[in-house]
Amino acid sequence: MTEPPTLEKVVQLLDSLAVTVATEMQGVKGEIAGLRTEMRTGFANVDRRFADVDRRFADVDRRLGRIESRVEDLERRPA
């Protein structure tokens, strides 16, 4: 039968566990920070894409306006 661990051994094990937990927590914090950065970057990319789409719609709207204007001019011309 084995002897129960001494108080000193228990303290050493707890210290070791505390260091391991602290190290893991730092890793988790780093992962969270990385995810936050990726999210911000992702949202910025989405915002840029929406801005591009808005510009394209504006371009199409201007072109349609010019086409409508030309059609109106053609309709007003005598045959």
Foldseek 3Di string as FASTA:
>chain_A
DDDDDDPVVVVVVVVVVVVVVVVVVVVVVVVVVVVVVVVVVVVVVVVVVVVVVVVVVVVVVVVVVVVVVVVVVVVPDDD
